[in-house]
Amino acid sequence: MPGPEGISDLDKNRTLEQWLEWQLRQVRNRVRELEIEEQQELRARQRARAEQSWKNQPRRSGEMAVLHRGGCGLYTSELGYLTRHEAIIALAEPDIEPCQICTPQTGLVDE
């Protein structure tokens, strides 16, 4: 039955339902955007940490162990990173050589 404005309660509630569904879509889209931003920020922090660290590629049969910068793509490892101090110690070891591509010793032993 129409109210004093000539719009029925059913029509009012259908309109409200559509508006609330629109609002819910907007909120869900914003949540997705924020989740993507959060993931991107996390990856950026992880990359920054890797770039400021070093990693040691273990010896393989007949080869030397190799020290890499944390962001070097020649050796990917989920193992932990080395600190600057640990990297300096590793470079002093006779059975560990620096990566010829990422040159982890640059700026490390000069400081």
PDB file of N, CA and C in Angstrom:
ATOM      1  N   MET A   1       0.849  -1.175   0.000  1.00  0.00           N
ATOM      2  CA  MET A   1       0.000   0.000   0.000  1.00  0.00           C
ATOM      3  C   MET A   1       0.893   1.237   0.000  1.00  0.00           C
ATOM      4  N   PRO A   2       0.603   2.189  -0.868  1.00  0.00           N
ATOM      5  CA  PRO A   2       1.412   3.404  -0.940  1.00  0.00           C
ATOM      6  C   PRO A   2       1.287   4.230   0.332  1.00  0.00           C
ATOM      7  N   GLY A   3       2.438   4.844   0.718  1.00  0.00           N
ATOM      8  CA  GLY A   3       2.443   5.726   1.876  1.00  0.00           C
ATOM      9  C   GLY A   3       1.988   7.123   1.463  1.00  0.00           C
ATOM     10  N   PRO A   4       2.169   8.099   2.357  1.00  0.00           N
ATOM     11  CA  PRO A   4       1.722   9.454   2.069  1.00  0.00           C
ATOM     12  C   PRO A   4       2.436  10.070   0.853  1.00  0.00           C
ATOM     13  N   GLU A   5       3.667   9.587   0.527  1.00  0.00           N
ATOM     14  CA  GLU A   5       4.402  10.135  -0.612  1.00  0.00           C
ATOM     15  C   GLU A   5       4.039   9.429  -1.909  1.00  0.00           C
ATOM     16  N   GLY A   6       3.204   8.403  -1.852  1.00  0.00           N
ATOM     17  CA  GLY A   6       2.807   7.667  -3.032  1.00  0.00           C
ATOM     18  C   GLY A   6       3.728   6.506  -3.368  1.00  0.00           C
ATOM     19  N   ILE A   7       4.718   6.179  -2.496  1.00  0.00           N
ATOM     20  CA  ILE A   7       5.631   5.067  -2.732  1.00  0.00           C
ATOM     21  C   ILE A   7       5.322   3.987  -1.696  1.00  0.00           C
ATOM     22  N   SER A   8       5.168   2.769  -2.153  1.00  0.00           N
ATOM     23  CA  SER A   8       4.814   1.686  -1.237  1.00  0.00           C
ATOM     24  C   SER A   8       6.026   1.292  -0.392  1.00  0.00           C
ATOM     25  N   ASP A   9       5.746   0.667   0.742  1.00  0.00           N
ATOM     26  CA  ASP A   9       6.820   0.165   1.608  1.00  0.00           C
ATOM     27  C   ASP A   9       7.678  -0.855   0.860  1.00  0.00           C
ATOM     28  N   LEU A  10       7.052  -1.668   0.037  1.00  0.00           N
ATOM     29  CA  LEU A  10       7.778  -2.663  -0.734  1.00  0.00           C
ATOM     30  C   LEU A  10       8.768  -1.978  -1.688  1.00  0.00           C
ATOM     31  N   ASP A  11       8.327  -0.951  -2.385  1.00  0.00           N
ATOM     32  CA  ASP A  11       9.216  -0.229  -3.302  1.00  0.00           C
ATOM     33  C   ASP A  11      10.346   0.463  -2.543  1.00  0.00           C
ATOM     34  N   LYS A  12      10.037   1.014  -1.391  1.00  0.00           N
ATOM     35  CA  LYS A  12      11.072   1.663  -0.574  1.00  0.00           C
ATOM     36  C   LYS A  12      12.126   0.649  -0.158  1.00  0.00           C
ATOM     37  N   ASN A  13      11.676  -0.529   0.277  1.00  0.00           N
ATOM     38  CA  ASN A  13      12.609  -1.548   0.736  1.00  0.00           C
ATOM     39  C   ASN A  13      13.411  -2.158  -0.416  1.00  0.00           C
ATOM     40  N   ARG A  14      12.787  -2.283  -1.581  1.00  0.00           N
ATOM     41  CA  ARG A  14      13.555  -2.751  -2.750  1.00  0.00           C
ATOM     42  C   ARG A  14      14.641  -1.734  -3.115  1.00  0.00           C
ATOM     43  N   THR A  15      14.306  -0.468  -3.056  1.00  0.00           N
ATOM     44  CA  THR A  15      15.284   0.579  -3.352  1.00  0.00           C
ATOM     45  C   THR A  15      16.408   0.558  -2.320  1.00  0.00           C
ATOM     46  N   LEU A  16      16.039   0.421  -1.055  1.00  0.00           N
ATOM     47  CA  LEU A  16      17.034   0.337   0.007  1.00  0.00           C
ATOM     48  C   LEU A  16      17.934  -0.882  -0.200  1.00  0.00           C
ATOM     49  N   GLU A  17      17.345  -2.004  -0.561  1.00  0.00           N
ATOM     50  CA  GLU A  17      18.114  -3.224  -0.809  1.00  0.00           C
ATOM     51  C   GLU A  17      19.129  -3.002  -1.932  1.00  0.00           C
ATOM     52  N   GLN A  18      18.729  -2.390  -3.012  1.00  0.00           N
ATOM     53  CA  GLN A  18      19.639  -2.109  -4.131  1.00  0.00           C
ATOM     54  C   GLN A  18      20.766  -1.181  -3.699  1.00  0.00           C
ATOM     55  N   TRP A  19      20.421  -0.182  -2.920  1.00  0.00           N
ATOM     56  CA  TRP A  19      21.439   0.767  -2.455  1.00  0.00           C
ATOM     57  C   TRP A  19      22.436   0.070  -1.524  1.00  0.00           C
ATOM     58  N   LEU A  20      21.938  -0.772  -0.628  1.00  0.00           N
ATOM     59  CA  LEU A  20      22.822  -1.503   0.280  1.00  0.00           C
ATOM     60  C   LEU A  20      23.711  -2.488  -0.486  1.00  0.00           C
ATOM     61  N   GLU A  21      23.181  -3.141  -1.505  1.00  0.00           N
ATOM     62  CA  GLU A  21      23.992  -4.035  -2.335  1.00  0.00           C
ATOM     63  C   GLU A  21      25.088  -3.240  -3.049  1.00  0.00           C
ATOM     64  N   TRP A  22      24.762  -2.054  -3.531  1.00  0.00           N
ATOM     65  CA  TRP A  22      25.760  -1.195  -4.170  1.00  0.00           C
ATOM     66  C   TRP A  22      26.857  -0.832  -3.170  1.00  0.00           C
ATOM     67  N   GLN A  23      26.425  -0.445  -1.959  1.00  0.00           N
ATOM     68  CA  GLN A  23      27.401  -0.104  -0.924  1.00  0.00           C
ATOM     69  C   GLN A  23      28.302  -1.290  -0.600  1.00  0.00           C
ATOM     70  N   LEU A  24      27.730  -2.479  -0.478  1.00  0.00           N
ATOM     71  CA  LEU A  24      28.494  -3.679  -0.179  1.00  0.00           C
ATOM     72  C   LEU A  24      29.516  -3.962  -1.286  1.00  0.00           C
ATOM     73  N   ARG A  25      29.116  -3.797  -2.546  1.00  0.00           N
ATOM     74  CA  ARG A  25      30.063  -3.974  -3.651  1.00  0.00           C
ATOM     75  C   ARG A  25      31.209  -2.980  -3.546  1.00  0.00           C
ATOM     76  N   GLN A  26      30.902  -1.735  -3.188  1.00  0.00           N
ATOM     77  CA  GLN A  26      31.937  -0.716  -3.043  1.00  0.00           C
ATOM     78  C   GLN A  26      32.925  -1.096  -1.941  1.00  0.00           C
ATOM     79  N   VAL A  27      32.400  -1.561  -0.819  1.00  0.00           N
ATOM     80  CA  VAL A  27      33.252  -1.946   0.311  1.00  0.00           C
ATOM     81  C   VAL A  27      34.100  -3.159  -0.057  1.00  0.00           C
ATOM     82  N   ARG A  28      33.522  -4.138  -0.719  1.00  0.00           N
ATOM     83  CA  ARG A  28      34.282  -5.326  -1.124  1.00  0.00           C
ATOM     84  C   ARG A  28      35.393  -4.954  -2.108  1.00  0.00           C
ATOM     85  N   ASN A  29      35.103  -4.061  -3.037  1.00  0.00           N
ATOM     86  CA  ASN A  29      36.131  -3.595  -3.967  1.00  0.00           C
ATOM     87  C   ASN A  29      37.255  -2.896  -3.218  1.00  0.00           C
ATOM     88  N   ARG A  30      36.902  -2.071  -2.250  1.00  0.00           N
ATOM     89  CA  ARG A  30      37.923  -1.357  -1.477  1.00  0.00           C
ATOM     90  C   ARG A  30      38.768  -2.325  -0.654  1.00  0.00           C
ATOM     91  N   VAL A  31      38.139  -3.343  -0.078  1.00  0.00           N
ATOM     92  CA  VAL A  31      38.872  -4.359   0.682  1.00  0.00           C
ATOM     93  C   VAL A  31      39.863  -5.063  -0.241  1.00  0.00           C
ATOM     94  N   ARG A  32      39.450  -5.427  -1.459  1.00  0.00           N
ATOM     95  CA  ARG A  32      40.357  -6.065  -2.419  1.00  0.00           C
ATOM     96  C   ARG A  32      41.529  -5.143  -2.753  1.00  0.00           C
ATOM     97  N   GLU A  33      41.254  -3.859  -2.974  1.00  0.00           N
ATOM     98  CA  GLU A  33      42.317  -2.890  -3.272  1.00  0.00           C
ATOM     99  C   GLU A  33      43.317  -2.812  -2.115  1.00  0.00           C
ATOM    100  N   LEU A  34      42.797  -2.752  -0.892  1.00  0.00           N
ATOM    101  CA  LEU A  34      43.674  -2.658   0.278  1.00  0.00           C
ATOM    102  C   LEU A  34      44.494  -3.929   0.468  1.00  0.00           C
ATOM    103  N   GLU A  35      43.914  -5.090   0.179  1.00  0.00           N
ATOM    104  CA  GLU A  35      44.655  -6.344   0.282  1.00  0.00           C
ATOM    105  C   GLU A  35      45.798  -6.377  -0.729  1.00  0.00           C
ATOM    106  N   ILE A  36      45.526  -5.909  -1.942  1.00  0.00           N
ATOM    107  CA  ILE A  36      46.569  -5.855  -2.974  1.00  0.00           C
ATOM    108  C   ILE A  36      47.684  -4.906  -2.549  1.00  0.00           C
ATOM    109  N   GLU A  37      47.315  -3.728  -2.048  1.00  0.00           N
ATOM    110  CA  GLU A  37      48.310  -2.764  -1.577  1.00  0.00           C
ATOM    111  C   GLU A  37      49.158  -3.357  -0.452  1.00  0.00           C
ATOM    112  N   GLU A  38      48.512  -4.052   0.466  1.00  0.00           N
ATOM    113  CA  GLU A  38      49.226  -4.667   1.586  1.00  0.00           C
ATOM    114  C   GLU A  38      50.219  -5.713   1.087  1.00  0.00           C
ATOM    115  N   GLN A  39      49.807  -6.528   0.127  1.00  0.00           N
ATOM    116  CA  GLN A  39      50.698  -7.541  -0.430  1.00  0.00           C
ATOM    117  C   GLN A  39      51.880  -6.889  -1.147  1.00  0.00           C
ATOM    118  N   GLN A  40      51.617  -5.806  -1.885  1.00  0.00           N
ATOM    119  CA  GLN A  40      52.691  -5.104  -2.583  1.00  0.00           C
ATOM    120  C   GLN A  40      53.679  -4.490  -1.594  1.00  0.00           C
ATOM    121  N   GLU A  41      53.173  -3.911  -0.516  1.00  0.00           N
ATOM    122  CA  GLU A  41      54.044  -3.334   0.505  1.00  0.00           C
ATOM    123  C   GLU A  41      54.894  -4.410   1.175  1.00  0.00           C
ATOM    124  N   LEU A  42      54.302  -5.560   1.441  1.00  0.00           N
ATOM    125  CA  LEU A  42      55.038  -6.667   2.044  1.00  0.00           C
ATOM    126  C   LEU A  42      56.157  -7.129   1.120  1.00  0.00           C
ATOM    127  N   ARG A  43      55.846  -7.303  -0.175  1.00  0.00           N
ATOM    128  CA  ARG A  43      56.879  -7.708  -1.128  1.00  0.00           C
ATOM    129  C   ARG A  43      57.983  -6.657  -1.224  1.00  0.00           C
ATOM    130  N   ALA A  44      57.617  -5.377  -1.181  1.00  0.00           N
ATOM    131  CA  ALA A  44      58.624  -4.305  -1.246  1.00  0.00           C
ATOM    132  C   ALA A  44      59.532  -4.344  -0.017  1.00  0.00           C
ATOM    133  N   ARG A  45      58.955  -4.578   1.155  1.00  0.00           N
ATOM    134  CA  ARG A  45      59.765  -4.687   2.377  1.00  0.00           C
ATOM    135  C   ARG A  45      60.692  -5.894   2.304  1.00  0.00           C
ATOM    136  N   GLN A  46      60.181  -7.003   1.785  1.00  0.00           N
ATOM    137  CA  GLN A  46      61.007  -8.208   1.658  1.00  0.00           C
ATOM    138  C   GLN A  46      62.149  -7.979   0.670  1.00  0.00           C
ATOM    139  N   ARG A  47      61.857  -7.299  -0.453  1.00  0.00           N
ATOM    140  CA  ARG A  47      62.911  -6.992  -1.431  1.00  0.00           C
ATOM    141  C   ARG A  47      63.958  -6.075  -0.824  1.00  0.00           C
ATOM    142  N   ALA A  48      63.510  -5.057  -0.087  1.00  0.00           N
ATOM    143  CA  ALA A  48      64.445  -4.114   0.533  1.00  0.00           C
ATOM    144  C   ALA A  48      65.340  -4.836   1.534  1.00  0.00           C
ATOM    145  N   ARG A  49      64.758  -5.717   2.316  1.00  0.00           N
ATOM    146  CA  ARG A  49      65.542  -6.490   3.287  1.00  0.00           C
ATOM    147  C   ARG A  49      66.549  -7.364   2.563  1.00  0.00           C
ATOM    148  N   ALA A  50      66.116  -8.011   1.493  1.00  0.00           N
ATOM    149  CA  ALA A  50      67.018  -8.878   0.735  1.00  0.00           C
ATOM    150  C   ALA A  50      68.171  -8.075   0.141  1.00  0.00           C
ATOM    151  N   GLU A  51      67.892  -6.889  -0.359  1.00  0.00           N
ATOM    152  CA  GLU A  51      68.937  -6.070  -0.977  1.00  0.00           C
ATOM    153  C   GLU A  51      69.976  -5.608   0.039  1.00  0.00           C
ATOM    154  N   GLN A  52      69.613  -5.565   1.287  1.00  0.00           N
ATOM    155  CA  GLN A  52      70.542  -5.134   2.328  1.00  0.00           C
ATOM    156  C   GLN A  52      71.179  -6.326   3.046  1.00  0.00           C
ATOM    157  N   SER A  53      71.004  -7.510   2.492  1.00  0.00           N
ATOM    158  CA  SER A  53      71.525  -8.726   3.106  1.00  0.00           C
ATOM    159  C   SER A  53      72.347  -9.504   2.092  1.00  0.00           C
ATOM    160  N   TRP A  54      72.873 -10.629   2.547  1.00  0.00           N
ATOM    161  CA  TRP A  54      73.657 -11.517   1.702  1.00  0.00           C
ATOM    162  C   TRP A  54      73.147 -12.928   1.922  1.00  0.00           C
ATOM    163  N   LYS A  55      73.493 -13.817   0.990  1.00  0.00           N
ATOM    164  CA  LYS A  55      73.120 -15.219   1.152  1.00  0.00           C
ATOM    165  C   LYS A  55      74.264 -16.096   0.653  1.00  0.00           C
ATOM    166  N   ASN A  56      74.384 -17.254   1.243  1.00  0.00           N
ATOM    167  CA  ASN A  56      75.478 -18.155   0.933  1.00  0.00           C
ATOM    168  C   ASN A  56      74.936 -19.371   0.199  1.00  0.00           C
ATOM    169  N   GLN A  57      75.450 -19.585  -1.017  1.00  0.00           N
ATOM    170  CA  GLN A  57      75.082 -20.763  -1.789  1.00  0.00           C
ATOM    171  C   GLN A  57      76.039 -21.879  -1.379  1.00  0.00           C
ATOM    172  N   PRO A  58      75.525 -22.958  -0.801  1.00  0.00           N
ATOM    173  CA  PRO A  58      76.396 -24.036  -0.327  1.00  0.00           C
ATOM    174  C   PRO A  58      77.212 -24.658  -1.456  1.00  0.00           C
ATOM    175  N   ARG A  59      78.269 -25.309  -1.064  1.00  0.00           N
ATOM    176  CA  ARG A  59      79.135 -26.009  -2.023  1.00  0.00           C
ATOM    177  C   ARG A  59      78.362 -27.087  -2.748  1.00  0.00           C
ATOM    178  N   ARG A  60      78.703 -27.235  -4.005  1.00  0.00           N
ATOM    179  CA  ARG A  60      78.232 -28.385  -4.771  1.00  0.00           C
ATOM    180  C   ARG A  60      79.459 -29.215  -5.078  1.00  0.00           C
ATOM    181  N   SER A  61      79.262 -30.433  -5.454  1.00  0.00           N
ATOM    182  CA  SER A  61      80.415 -31.309  -5.692  1.00  0.00           C
ATOM    183  C   SER A  61      81.376 -30.673  -6.692  1.00  0.00           C
ATOM    184  N   GLY A  62      82.608 -30.512  -6.248  1.00  0.00           N
ATOM    185  CA  GLY A  62      83.642 -29.965  -7.102  1.00  0.00           C
ATOM    186  C   GLY A  62      83.618 -28.455  -7.265  1.00  0.00           C
ATOM    187  N   GLU A  63      82.673 -27.769  -6.633  1.00  0.00           N
ATOM    188  CA  GLU A  63      82.580 -26.318  -6.760  1.00  0.00           C
ATOM    189  C   GLU A  63      82.759 -25.662  -5.405  1.00  0.00           C
ATOM    190  N   MET A  64      83.065 -24.388  -5.449  1.00  0.00           N
ATOM    191  CA  MET A  64      83.193 -23.611  -4.214  1.00  0.00           C
ATOM    192  C   MET A  64      81.810 -23.117  -3.795  1.00  0.00           C
ATOM    193  N   ALA A  65      81.679 -22.804  -2.529  1.00  0.00           N
ATOM    194  CA  ALA A  65      80.474 -22.120  -2.055  1.00  0.00           C
ATOM    195  C   ALA A  65      80.539 -20.694  -2.597  1.00  0.00           C
ATOM    196  N   VAL A  66      79.379 -20.069  -2.805  1.00  0.00           N
ATOM    197  CA  VAL A  66      79.344 -18.739  -3.412  1.00  0.00           C
ATOM    198  C   VAL A  66      78.530 -17.795  -2.532  1.00  0.00           C
ATOM    199  N   LEU A  67      79.082 -16.609  -2.297  1.00  0.00           N
ATOM    200  CA  LEU A  67      78.373 -15.570  -1.551  1.00  0.00           C
ATOM    201  C   LEU A  67      77.673 -14.653  -2.541  1.00  0.00           C
ATOM    202  N   HIS A  68      76.386 -14.407  -2.295  1.00  0.00           N
ATOM    203  CA  HIS A  68      75.569 -13.549  -3.170  1.00  0.00           C
ATOM    204  C   HIS A  68      74.988 -12.394  -2.372  1.00  0.00           C
ATOM    205  N   ARG A  69      74.619 -11.346  -3.063  1.00  0.00           N
ATOM    206  CA  ARG A  69      73.773 -10.312  -2.461  1.00  0.00           C
ATOM    207  C   ARG A  69      72.398 -10.940  -2.273  1.00  0.00           C
ATOM    208  N   GLY A  70      71.655 -10.442  -1.295  1.00  0.00           N
ATOM    209  CA  GLY A  70      70.347 -11.031  -0.985  1.00  0.00           C
ATOM    210  C   GLY A  70      69.376 -11.018  -2.140  1.00  0.00           C
ATOM    211  N   GLY A  71      69.500 -10.041  -3.027  1.00  0.00           N
ATOM    212  CA  GLY A  71      68.561  -9.939  -4.141  1.00  0.00           C
ATOM    213  C   GLY A  71      69.037 -10.603  -5.416  1.00  0.00           C
ATOM    214  N   CYS A  72      70.179 -11.279  -5.378  1.00  0.00           N
ATOM    215  CA  CYS A  72      70.728 -11.914  -6.578  1.00  0.00           C
ATOM    216  C   CYS A  72      69.807 -13.044  -7.035  1.00  0.00           C
ATOM    217  N   GLY A  73      69.482 -13.029  -8.303  1.00  0.00           N
ATOM    218  CA  GLY A  73      68.583 -14.043  -8.843  1.00  0.00           C
ATOM    219  C   GLY A  73      69.275 -15.329  -9.250  1.00  0.00           C
ATOM    220  N   LEU A  74      70.604 -15.368  -9.210  1.00  0.00           N
ATOM    221  CA  LEU A  74      71.307 -16.590  -9.589  1.00  0.00           C
ATOM    222  C   LEU A  74      71.134 -17.691  -8.548  1.00  0.00           C
ATOM    223  N   TYR A  75      70.907 -17.287  -7.316  1.00  0.00           N
ATOM    224  CA  TYR A  75      70.692 -18.277  -6.259  1.00  0.00           C
ATOM    225  C   TYR A  75      69.509 -17.823  -5.421  1.00  0.00           C
ATOM    226  N   THR A  76      68.449 -18.580  -5.505  1.00  0.00           N
ATOM    227  CA  THR A  76      67.270 -18.276  -4.692  1.00  0.00           C
ATOM    228  C   THR A  76      67.160 -19.319  -3.605  1.00  0.00           C
ATOM    229  N   SER A  77      66.939 -18.835  -2.413  1.00  0.00           N
ATOM    230  CA  SER A  77      66.851 -19.729  -1.265  1.00  0.00           C
ATOM    231  C   SER A  77      65.860 -19.163  -0.274  1.00  0.00           C
ATOM    232  N   GLU A  78      65.124 -20.032   0.351  1.00  0.00           N
ATOM    233  CA  GLU A  78      64.197 -19.621   1.393  1.00  0.00           C
ATOM    234  C   GLU A  78      64.876 -19.595   2.752  1.00  0.00           C
ATOM    235  N   LEU A  79      66.147 -19.965   2.769  1.00  0.00           N
ATOM    236  CA  LEU A  79      66.886 -19.946   4.027  1.00  0.00           C
ATOM    237  C   LEU A  79      67.151 -18.510   4.429  1.00  0.00           C
ATOM    238  N   GLY A  80      67.599 -18.314   5.645  1.00  0.00           N
ATOM    239  CA  GLY A  80      67.827 -16.974   6.164  1.00  0.00           C
ATOM    240  C   GLY A  80      68.959 -16.241   5.468  1.00  0.00           C
ATOM    241  N   TYR A  81      68.956 -14.943   5.648  1.00  0.00           N
ATOM    242  CA  TYR A  81      69.980 -14.091   5.069  1.00  0.00           C
ATOM    243  C   TYR A  81      71.124 -13.899   6.064  1.00  0.00           C
ATOM    244  N   LEU A  82      72.272 -13.521   5.519  1.00  0.00           N
ATOM    245  CA  LEU A  82      73.434 -13.217   6.341  1.00  0.00           C
ATOM    246  C   LEU A  82      73.478 -11.718   6.626  1.00  0.00           C
ATOM    247  N   THR A  83      73.989 -11.364   7.783  1.00  0.00           N
ATOM    248  CA  THR A  83      74.194  -9.956   8.113  1.00  0.00           C
ATOM    249  C   THR A  83      75.480  -9.488   7.437  1.00  0.00           C
ATOM    250  N   ARG A  84      75.742  -8.205   7.505  1.00  0.00           N
ATOM    251  CA  ARG A  84      76.965  -7.637   6.927  1.00  0.00           C
ATOM    252  C   ARG A  84      78.189  -8.288   7.574  1.00  0.00           C
ATOM    253  N   HIS A  85      78.170  -8.390   8.872  1.00  0.00           N
ATOM    254  CA  HIS A  85      79.290  -8.992   9.605  1.00  0.00           C
ATOM    255  C   HIS A  85      79.510 -10.443   9.170  1.00  0.00           C
ATOM    256  N   GLU A  86      78.447 -11.202   9.058  1.00  0.00           N
ATOM    257  CA  GLU A  86      78.550 -12.602   8.630  1.00  0.00           C
ATOM    258  C   GLU A  86      79.069 -12.706   7.196  1.00  0.00           C
ATOM    259  N   ALA A  87      78.656 -11.773   6.343  1.00  0.00           N
ATOM    260  CA  ALA A  87      79.127 -11.775   4.955  1.00  0.00           C
ATOM    261  C   ALA A  87      80.624 -11.489   4.884  1.00  0.00           C
ATOM    262  N   ILE A  88      81.105 -10.570   5.721  1.00  0.00           N
ATOM    263  CA  ILE A  88      82.541 -10.275   5.765  1.00  0.00           C
ATOM    264  C   ILE A  88      83.314 -11.514   6.195  1.00  0.00           C
ATOM    265  N   ILE A  89      82.809 -12.204   7.196  1.00  0.00           N
ATOM    266  CA  ILE A  89      83.448 -13.443   7.666  1.00  0.00           C
ATOM    267  C   ILE A  89      83.439 -14.487   6.550  1.00  0.00           C
ATOM    268  N   ALA A  90      82.307 -14.614   5.862  1.00  0.00           N
ATOM    269  CA  ALA A  90      82.196 -15.602   4.783  1.00  0.00           C
ATOM    270  C   ALA A  90      83.203 -15.321   3.676  1.00  0.00           C
ATOM    271  N   LEU A  91      83.371 -14.053   3.316  1.00  0.00           N
ATOM    272  CA  LEU A  91      84.329 -13.713   2.262  1.00  0.00           C
ATOM    273  C   LEU A  91      85.770 -14.034   2.656  1.00  0.00           C
ATOM    274  N   ALA A  92      86.047 -14.050   3.931  1.00  0.00           N
ATOM    275  CA  ALA A  92      87.400 -14.359   4.408  1.00  0.00           C
ATOM    276  C   ALA A  92      87.688 -15.860   4.382  1.00  0.00           C
ATOM    277  N   GLU A  93      86.658 -16.659   4.230  1.00  0.00           N
ATOM    278  CA  GLU A  93      86.839 -18.107   4.195  1.00  0.00           C
ATOM    279  C   GLU A  93      87.442 -18.524   2.852  1.00  0.00           C
ATOM    280  N   PRO A  94      88.401 -19.454   2.869  1.00  0.00           N
ATOM    281  CA  PRO A  94      89.050 -19.847   1.618  1.00  0.00           C
ATOM    282  C   PRO A  94      88.158 -20.650   0.666  1.00  0.00           C
ATOM    283  N   ASP A  95      87.112 -21.277   1.180  1.00  0.00           N
ATOM    284  CA  ASP A  95      86.270 -22.107   0.314  1.00  0.00           C
ATOM    285  C   ASP A  95      84.972 -21.402  -0.115  1.00  0.00           C
ATOM    286  N   ILE A  96      84.911 -20.067   0.056  1.00  0.00           N
ATOM    287  CA  ILE A  96      83.748 -19.291  -0.376  1.00  0.00           C
ATOM    288  C   ILE A  96      84.241 -18.186  -1.297  1.00  0.00           C
ATOM    289  N   GLU A  97      83.626 -18.106  -2.477  1.00  0.00           N
ATOM    290  CA  GLU A  97      83.993 -17.048  -3.418  1.00  0.00           C
ATOM    291  C   GLU A  97      82.795 -16.136  -3.670  1.00  0.00           C
ATOM    292  N   PRO A  98      83.036 -14.881  -4.036  1.00  0.00           N
ATOM    293  CA  PRO A  98      81.925 -13.978  -4.321  1.00  0.00           C
ATOM    294  C   PRO A  98      81.321 -14.268  -5.689  1.00  0.00           C
ATOM    295  N   CYS A  99      80.044 -14.051  -5.805  1.00  0.00           N
ATOM    296  CA  CYS A  99      79.346 -14.199  -7.083  1.00  0.00           C
ATOM    297  C   CYS A  99      79.940 -13.193  -8.077  1.00  0.00           C
ATOM    298  N   GLN A 100      80.195 -13.657  -9.279  1.00  0.00           N
ATOM    299  CA  GLN A 100      80.785 -12.794 -10.301  1.00  0.00           C
ATOM    300  C   GLN A 100      79.750 -11.847 -10.920  1.00  0.00           C
ATOM    301  N   ILE A 101      78.471 -12.116 -10.710  1.00  0.00           N
ATOM    302  CA  ILE A 101      77.413 -11.287 -11.290  1.00  0.00           C
ATOM    303  C   ILE A 101      76.986 -10.172 -10.339  1.00  0.00           C
ATOM    304  N   CYS A 102      76.641 -10.527  -9.109  1.00  0.00           N
ATOM    305  CA  CYS A 102      76.122  -9.517  -8.169  1.00  0.00           C
ATOM    306  C   CYS A 102      77.216  -8.849  -7.343  1.00  0.00           C
ATOM    307  N   THR A 103      78.430  -9.342  -7.425  1.00  0.00           N
ATOM    308  CA  THR A 103      79.603  -8.824  -6.716  1.00  0.00           C
ATOM    309  C   THR A 103      79.282  -8.359  -5.285  1.00  0.00           C
ATOM    310  N   PRO A 104      79.010  -9.319  -4.394  1.00  0.00           N
ATOM    311  CA  PRO A 104      78.613  -8.972  -3.027  1.00  0.00           C
ATOM    312  C   PRO A 104      79.713  -8.290  -2.214  1.00  0.00           C
ATOM    313  N   GLN A 105      80.939  -8.392  -2.653  1.00  0.00           N
ATOM    314  CA  GLN A 105      82.035  -7.784  -1.906  1.00  0.00           C
ATOM    315  C   GLN A 105      82.113  -6.279  -2.132  1.00  0.00           C
ATOM    316  N   THR A 106      81.495  -5.760  -3.185  1.00  0.00           N
ATOM    317  CA  THR A 106      81.536  -4.334  -3.479  1.00  0.00           C
ATOM    318  C   THR A 106      80.933  -3.541  -2.329  1.00  0.00           C
ATOM    319  N   GLY A 107      81.737  -2.674  -1.763  1.00  0.00           N
ATOM    320  CA  GLY A 107      81.277  -1.846  -0.648  1.00  0.00           C
ATOM    321  C   GLY A 107      81.231  -2.571   0.683  1.00  0.00           C
ATOM    322  N   LEU A 108      81.457  -3.863   0.663  1.00  0.00           N
ATOM    323  CA  LEU A 108      81.380  -4.643   1.895  1.00  0.00           C
ATOM    324  C   LEU A 108      82.716  -4.620   2.622  1.00  0.00           C
ATOM    325  N   VAL A 109      83.788  -4.908   1.940  1.00  0.00           N
ATOM    326  CA  VAL A 109      85.078  -4.959   2.587  1.00  0.00           C
ATOM    327  C   VAL A 109      85.797  -3.603   2.555  1.00  0.00           C
ATOM    328  N   ASP A 110      85.284  -2.666   1.754  1.00  0.00           N
ATOM    329  CA  ASP A 110      85.910  -1.349   1.666  1.00  0.00           C
ATOM    330  C   ASP A 110      85.532  -0.447   2.824  1.00  0.00           C
ATOM    331  N   GLU A 111      84.451  -0.778   3.514  1.00  0.00           N
ATOM    332  CA  GLU A 111      83.966   0.109   4.579  1.00  0.00           C
ATOM    333  C   GLU A 111      84.644  -0.167   5.885  1.00  0.00           C
TER     334      GLU A 111
END
